[in-house]
Amino acid sequence: MSKFRTVVAVIIMILCGVAGLFLGATLNNAIGGGILGVLISGIACIIYVLDNQDKK
């Protein structure tokens, strides 16, 4: 189950990175938007895993 959570977290971070890239491109800062999207989704995934450690 741990591998599944890891794969889902990576997929979420990739999707948010691509979305941030396009959103940042509209504001003339594509790389910054992509990095911000990955950071926000990565922190959200970490918080989710820490909150649900005891559930299997």
PDB file of N, CA and C in Angstrom:
ATOM      1  N   MET A   1       0.826  -1.197   0.000  1.00  0.00           N
ATOM      2  CA  MET A   1       0.000   0.000   0.000  1.00  0.00           C
ATOM      3  C   MET A   1       0.864   1.253   0.000  1.00  0.00           C
ATOM      4  N   SER A   2       2.035   1.165   0.594  1.00  0.00           N
ATOM      5  CA  SER A   2       2.921   2.319   0.657  1.00  0.00           C
ATOM      6  C   SER A   2       3.407   2.722  -0.732  1.00  0.00           C
ATOM      7  N   LYS A   3       3.669   1.720  -1.599  1.00  0.00           N
ATOM      8  CA  LYS A   3       4.103   2.028  -2.958  1.00  0.00           C
ATOM      9  C   LYS A   3       2.994   2.726  -3.730  1.00  0.00           C
ATOM     10  N   PHE A   4       1.751   2.319  -3.500  1.00  0.00           N
ATOM     11  CA  PHE A   4       0.615   2.930  -4.182  1.00  0.00           C
ATOM     12  C   PHE A   4       0.491   4.396  -3.803  1.00  0.00           C
ATOM     13  N   ARG A   5       0.650   4.705  -2.513  1.00  0.00           N
ATOM     14  CA  ARG A   5       0.588   6.098  -2.064  1.00  0.00           C
ATOM     15  C   ARG A   5       1.697   6.924  -2.690  1.00  0.00           C
ATOM     16  N   THR A   6       2.869   6.334  -2.809  1.00  0.00           N
ATOM     17  CA  THR A   6       4.007   7.043  -3.395  1.00  0.00           C
ATOM     18  C   THR A   6       3.750   7.335  -4.864  1.00  0.00           C
ATOM     19  N   VAL A   7       3.248   6.361  -5.581  1.00  0.00           N
ATOM     20  CA  VAL A   7       2.968   6.548  -7.007  1.00  0.00           C
ATOM     21  C   VAL A   7       1.883   7.603  -7.202  1.00  0.00           C
ATOM     22  N   VAL A   8       0.848   7.562  -6.399  1.00  0.00           N
ATOM     23  CA  VAL A   8      -0.228   8.543  -6.511  1.00  0.00           C
ATOM     24  C   VAL A   8       0.292   9.942  -6.185  1.00  0.00           C
ATOM     25  N   ALA A   9       1.142  10.060  -5.174  1.00  0.00           N
ATOM     26  CA  ALA A   9       1.705  11.363  -4.818  1.00  0.00           C
ATOM     27  C   ALA A   9       2.559  11.922  -5.954  1.00  0.00           C
ATOM     28  N   VAL A  10       3.342  11.076  -6.597  1.00  0.00           N
ATOM     29  CA  VAL A  10       4.178  11.528  -7.713  1.00  0.00           C
ATOM     30  C   VAL A  10       3.308  11.951  -8.895  1.00  0.00           C
ATOM     31  N   ILE A  11       2.259  11.197  -9.180  1.00  0.00           N
ATOM     32  CA  ILE A  11       1.356  11.549 -10.280  1.00  0.00           C
ATOM     33  C   ILE A  11       0.668  12.885 -10.000  1.00  0.00           C
ATOM     34  N   ILE A  12       0.227  13.086  -8.766  1.00  0.00           N
ATOM     35  CA  ILE A  12      -0.413  14.351  -8.398  1.00  0.00           C
ATOM     36  C   ILE A  12       0.566  15.508  -8.557  1.00  0.00           C
ATOM     37  N   MET A  13       1.805  15.304  -8.140  1.00  0.00           N
ATOM     38  CA  MET A  13       2.792  16.371  -8.252  1.00  0.00           C
ATOM     39  C   MET A  13       3.107  16.686  -9.708  1.00  0.00           C
ATOM     40  N   ILE A  14       3.159  15.678 -10.564  1.00  0.00           N
ATOM     41  CA  ILE A  14       3.409  15.918 -11.986  1.00  0.00           C
ATOM     42  C   ILE A  14       2.254  16.691 -12.613  1.00  0.00           C
ATOM     43  N   LEU A  15       1.024  16.286 -12.320  1.00  0.00           N
ATOM     44  CA  LEU A  15      -0.139  16.982 -12.873  1.00  0.00           C
ATOM     45  C   LEU A  15      -0.208  18.431 -12.394  1.00  0.00           C
ATOM     46  N   CYS A  16       0.069  18.655 -11.126  1.00  0.00           N
ATOM     47  CA  CYS A  16       0.048  20.024 -10.617  1.00  0.00           C
ATOM     48  C   CYS A  16       1.202  20.843 -11.182  1.00  0.00           C
ATOM     49  N   GLY A  17       2.326  20.203 -11.438  1.00  0.00           N
ATOM     50  CA  GLY A  17       3.443  20.903 -12.058  1.00  0.00           C
ATOM     51  C   GLY A  17       3.104  21.359 -13.466  1.00  0.00           C
ATOM     52  N   VAL A  18       2.459  20.495 -14.233  1.00  0.00           N
ATOM     53  CA  VAL A  18       2.066  20.855 -15.598  1.00  0.00           C
ATOM     54  C   VAL A  18       0.999  21.954 -15.572  1.00  0.00           C
ATOM     55  N   ALA A  19       0.050  21.830 -14.664  1.00  0.00           N
ATOM     56  CA  ALA A  19      -0.983  22.867 -14.553  1.00  0.00           C
ATOM     57  C   ALA A  19      -0.359  24.196 -14.130  1.00  0.00           C
ATOM     58  N   GLY A  20       0.581  24.155 -13.189  1.00  0.00           N
ATOM     59  CA  GLY A  20       1.268  25.370 -12.766  1.00  0.00           C
ATOM     60  C   GLY A  20       2.111  25.962 -13.868  1.00  0.00           C
ATOM     61  N   LEU A  21       2.674  25.112 -14.708  1.00  0.00           N
ATOM     62  CA  LEU A  21       3.462  25.586 -15.846  1.00  0.00           C
ATOM     63  C   LEU A  21       2.596  26.410 -16.797  1.00  0.00           C
ATOM     64  N   PHE A  22       1.418  25.898 -17.127  1.00  0.00           N
ATOM     65  CA  PHE A  22       0.535  26.632 -18.030  1.00  0.00           C
ATOM     66  C   PHE A  22      -0.057  27.872 -17.361  1.00  0.00           C
ATOM     67  N   LEU A  23      -0.382  27.765 -16.087  1.00  0.00           N
ATOM     68  CA  LEU A  23      -0.906  28.923 -15.374  1.00  0.00           C
ATOM     69  C   LEU A  23       0.168  29.997 -15.239  1.00  0.00           C
ATOM     70  N   GLY A  24       1.388  29.577 -14.950  1.00  0.00           N
ATOM     71  CA  GLY A  24       2.483  30.529 -14.857  1.00  0.00           C
ATOM     72  C   GLY A  24       2.826  31.144 -16.197  1.00  0.00           C
ATOM     73  N   ALA A  25       2.629  30.415 -17.278  1.00  0.00           N
ATOM     74  CA  ALA A  25       2.904  30.952 -18.616  1.00  0.00           C
ATOM     75  C   ALA A  25       1.979  32.114 -18.943  1.00  0.00           C
ATOM     76  N   THR A  26       0.773  32.092 -18.424  1.00  0.00           N
ATOM     77  CA  THR A  26      -0.133  33.209 -18.655  1.00  0.00           C
ATOM     78  C   THR A  26       0.322  34.457 -17.901  1.00  0.00           C
ATOM     79  N   LEU A  27       1.129  34.255 -16.852  1.00  0.00           N
ATOM     80  CA  LEU A  27       1.650  35.382 -16.065  1.00  0.00           C
ATOM     81  C   LEU A  27       3.112  35.671 -16.380  1.00  0.00           C
ATOM     82  N   ASN A  28       3.613  35.124 -17.494  1.00  0.00           N
ATOM     83  CA  ASN A  28       4.987  35.322 -17.960  1.00  0.00           C
ATOM     84  C   ASN A  28       6.034  34.771 -16.991  1.00  0.00           C
ATOM     85  N   ASN A  29       5.714  33.719 -16.259  1.00  0.00           N
ATOM     86  CA  ASN A  29       6.667  33.070 -15.368  1.00  0.00           C
ATOM     87  C   ASN A  29       6.332  31.576 -15.317  1.00  0.00           C
ATOM     88  N   ALA A  30       6.598  30.874 -16.415  1.00  0.00           N
ATOM     89  CA  ALA A  30       6.180  29.477 -16.539  1.00  0.00           C
ATOM     90  C   ALA A  30       6.911  28.576 -15.544  1.00  0.00           C
ATOM     91  N   ILE A  31       8.231  28.713 -15.439  1.00  0.00           N
ATOM     92  CA  ILE A  31       8.989  27.839 -14.549  1.00  0.00           C
ATOM     93  C   ILE A  31       8.601  28.085 -13.092  1.00  0.00           C
ATOM     94  N   GLY A  32       8.422  29.340 -12.734  1.00  0.00           N
ATOM     95  CA  GLY A  32       8.005  29.668 -11.362  1.00  0.00           C
ATOM     96  C   GLY A  32       6.650  29.079 -11.025  1.00  0.00           C
ATOM     97  N   GLY A  33       5.730  29.119 -11.967  1.00  0.00           N
ATOM     98  CA  GLY A  33       4.408  28.534 -11.740  1.00  0.00           C
ATOM     99  C   GLY A  33       4.469  27.026 -11.600  1.00  0.00           C
ATOM    100  N   GLY A  34       5.319  26.393 -12.414  1.00  0.00           N
ATOM    101  CA  GLY A  34       5.475  24.942 -12.314  1.00  0.00           C
ATOM    102  C   GLY A  34       6.082  24.526 -10.987  1.00  0.00           C
ATOM    103  N   ILE A  35       7.106  25.244 -10.561  1.00  0.00           N
ATOM    104  CA  ILE A  35       7.748  24.932  -9.279  1.00  0.00           C
ATOM    105  C   ILE A  35       6.774  25.153  -8.134  1.00  0.00           C
ATOM    106  N   LEU A  36       6.022  26.240  -8.177  1.00  0.00           N
ATOM    107  CA  LEU A  36       5.056  26.521  -7.124  1.00  0.00           C
ATOM    108  C   LEU A  36       3.976  25.441  -7.063  1.00  0.00           C
ATOM    109  N   GLY A  37       3.505  24.984  -8.215  1.00  0.00           N
ATOM    110  CA  GLY A  37       2.500  23.922  -8.239  1.00  0.00           C
ATOM    111  C   GLY A  37       3.013  22.629  -7.639  1.00  0.00           C
ATOM    112  N   VAL A  38       4.254  22.264  -7.956  1.00  0.00           N
ATOM    113  CA  VAL A  38       4.844  21.040  -7.411  1.00  0.00           C
ATOM    114  C   VAL A  38       5.053  21.166  -5.906  1.00  0.00           C
ATOM    115  N   LEU A  39       5.524  22.316  -5.457  1.00  0.00           N
ATOM    116  CA  LEU A  39       5.752  22.504  -4.022  1.00  0.00           C
ATOM    117  C   LEU A  39       4.452  22.426  -3.226  1.00  0.00           C
ATOM    118  N   ILE A  40       3.423  23.079  -3.710  1.00  0.00           N
ATOM    119  CA  ILE A  40       2.143  23.070  -2.991  1.00  0.00           C
ATOM    120  C   ILE A  40       1.563  21.661  -2.937  1.00  0.00           C
ATOM    121  N   SER A  41       1.578  20.952  -4.060  1.00  0.00           N
ATOM    122  CA  SER A  41       1.018  19.602  -4.062  1.00  0.00           C
ATOM    123  C   SER A  41       1.902  18.641  -3.260  1.00  0.00           C
ATOM    124  N   GLY A  42       3.210  18.826  -3.284  1.00  0.00           N
ATOM    125  CA  GLY A  42       4.102  17.977  -2.500  1.00  0.00           C
ATOM    126  C   GLY A  42       3.876  18.138  -1.011  1.00  0.00           C
ATOM    127  N   ILE A  43       3.729  19.373  -0.560  1.00  0.00           N
ATOM    128  CA  ILE A  43       3.460  19.613   0.856  1.00  0.00           C
ATOM    129  C   ILE A  43       2.104  19.046   1.245  1.00  0.00           C
ATOM    130  N   ALA A  44       1.109  19.169   0.369  1.00  0.00           N
ATOM    131  CA  ALA A  44      -0.215  18.606   0.653  1.00  0.00           C
ATOM    132  C   ALA A  44      -0.151  17.085   0.753  1.00  0.00           C
ATOM    133  N   CYS A  45       0.642  16.432  -0.103  1.00  0.00           N
ATOM    134  CA  CYS A  45       0.785  14.975  -0.043  1.00  0.00           C
ATOM    135  C   CYS A  45       1.493  14.541   1.243  1.00  0.00           C
ATOM    136  N   ILE A  46       2.491  15.294   1.657  1.00  0.00           N
ATOM    137  CA  ILE A  46       3.195  14.979   2.902  1.00  0.00           C
ATOM    138  C   ILE A  46       2.255  15.104   4.091  1.00  0.00           C
ATOM    139  N   ILE A  47       1.465  16.161   4.125  1.00  0.00           N
ATOM    140  CA  ILE A  47       0.514  16.345   5.218  1.00  0.00           C
ATOM    141  C   ILE A  47      -0.523  15.228   5.221  1.00  0.00           C
ATOM    142  N   TYR A  48      -0.986  14.816   4.049  1.00  0.00           N
ATOM    143  CA  TYR A  48      -1.966  13.728   3.968  1.00  0.00           C
ATOM    144  C   TYR A  48      -1.390  12.428   4.516  1.00  0.00           C
ATOM    145  N   VAL A  49      -0.152  12.115   4.144  1.00  0.00           N
ATOM    146  CA  VAL A  49       0.471  10.874   4.611  1.00  0.00           C
ATOM    147  C   VAL A  49       0.698  10.916   6.115  1.00  0.00           C
ATOM    148  N   LEU A  50       1.144  12.039   6.644  1.00  0.00           N
ATOM    149  CA  LEU A  50       1.362  12.149   8.081  1.00  0.00           C
ATOM    150  C   LEU A  50       0.059  12.048   8.860  1.00  0.00           C
ATOM    151  N   ASP A  51      -1.009  12.566   8.281  1.00  0.00           N
ATOM    152  CA  ASP A  51      -2.310  12.528   8.956  1.00  0.00           C
ATOM    153  C   ASP A  51      -2.918  11.129   8.927  1.00  0.00           C
ATOM    154  N   ASN A  52      -2.596  10.312   7.913  1.00  0.00           N
ATOM    155  CA  ASN A  52      -3.219   9.001   7.762  1.00  0.00           C
ATOM    156  C   ASN A  52      -2.226   7.852   7.901  1.00  0.00           C
ATOM    157  N   GLN A  53      -1.261   7.979   8.790  1.00  0.00           N
ATOM    158  CA  GLN A  53      -0.268   6.934   8.965  1.00  0.00           C
ATOM    159  C   GLN A  53      -0.844   5.654   9.561  1.00  0.00           C
ATOM    160  N   ASP A  54      -1.768   5.779  10.493  1.00  0.00           N
ATOM    161  CA  ASP A  54      -2.280   4.604  11.184  1.00  0.00           C
ATOM    162  C   ASP A  54      -3.289   3.799  10.376  1.00  0.00           C
ATOM    163  N   LYS A  55      -3.843   4.359   9.315  1.00  0.00           N
ATOM    164  CA  LYS A  55      -4.839   3.667   8.501  1.00  0.00           C
ATOM    165  C   LYS A  55      -4.149   2.763   7.494  1.00  0.00           C
ATOM    166  N   LYS A  56      -4.664   1.537   7.337  1.00  0.00           N
ATOM    167  CA  LYS A  56      -4.089   0.599   6.356  1.00  0.00           C
ATOM    168  C   LYS A  56      -5.149   0.032   5.486  1.00  0.00           C
TER     169      LYS A  56
END
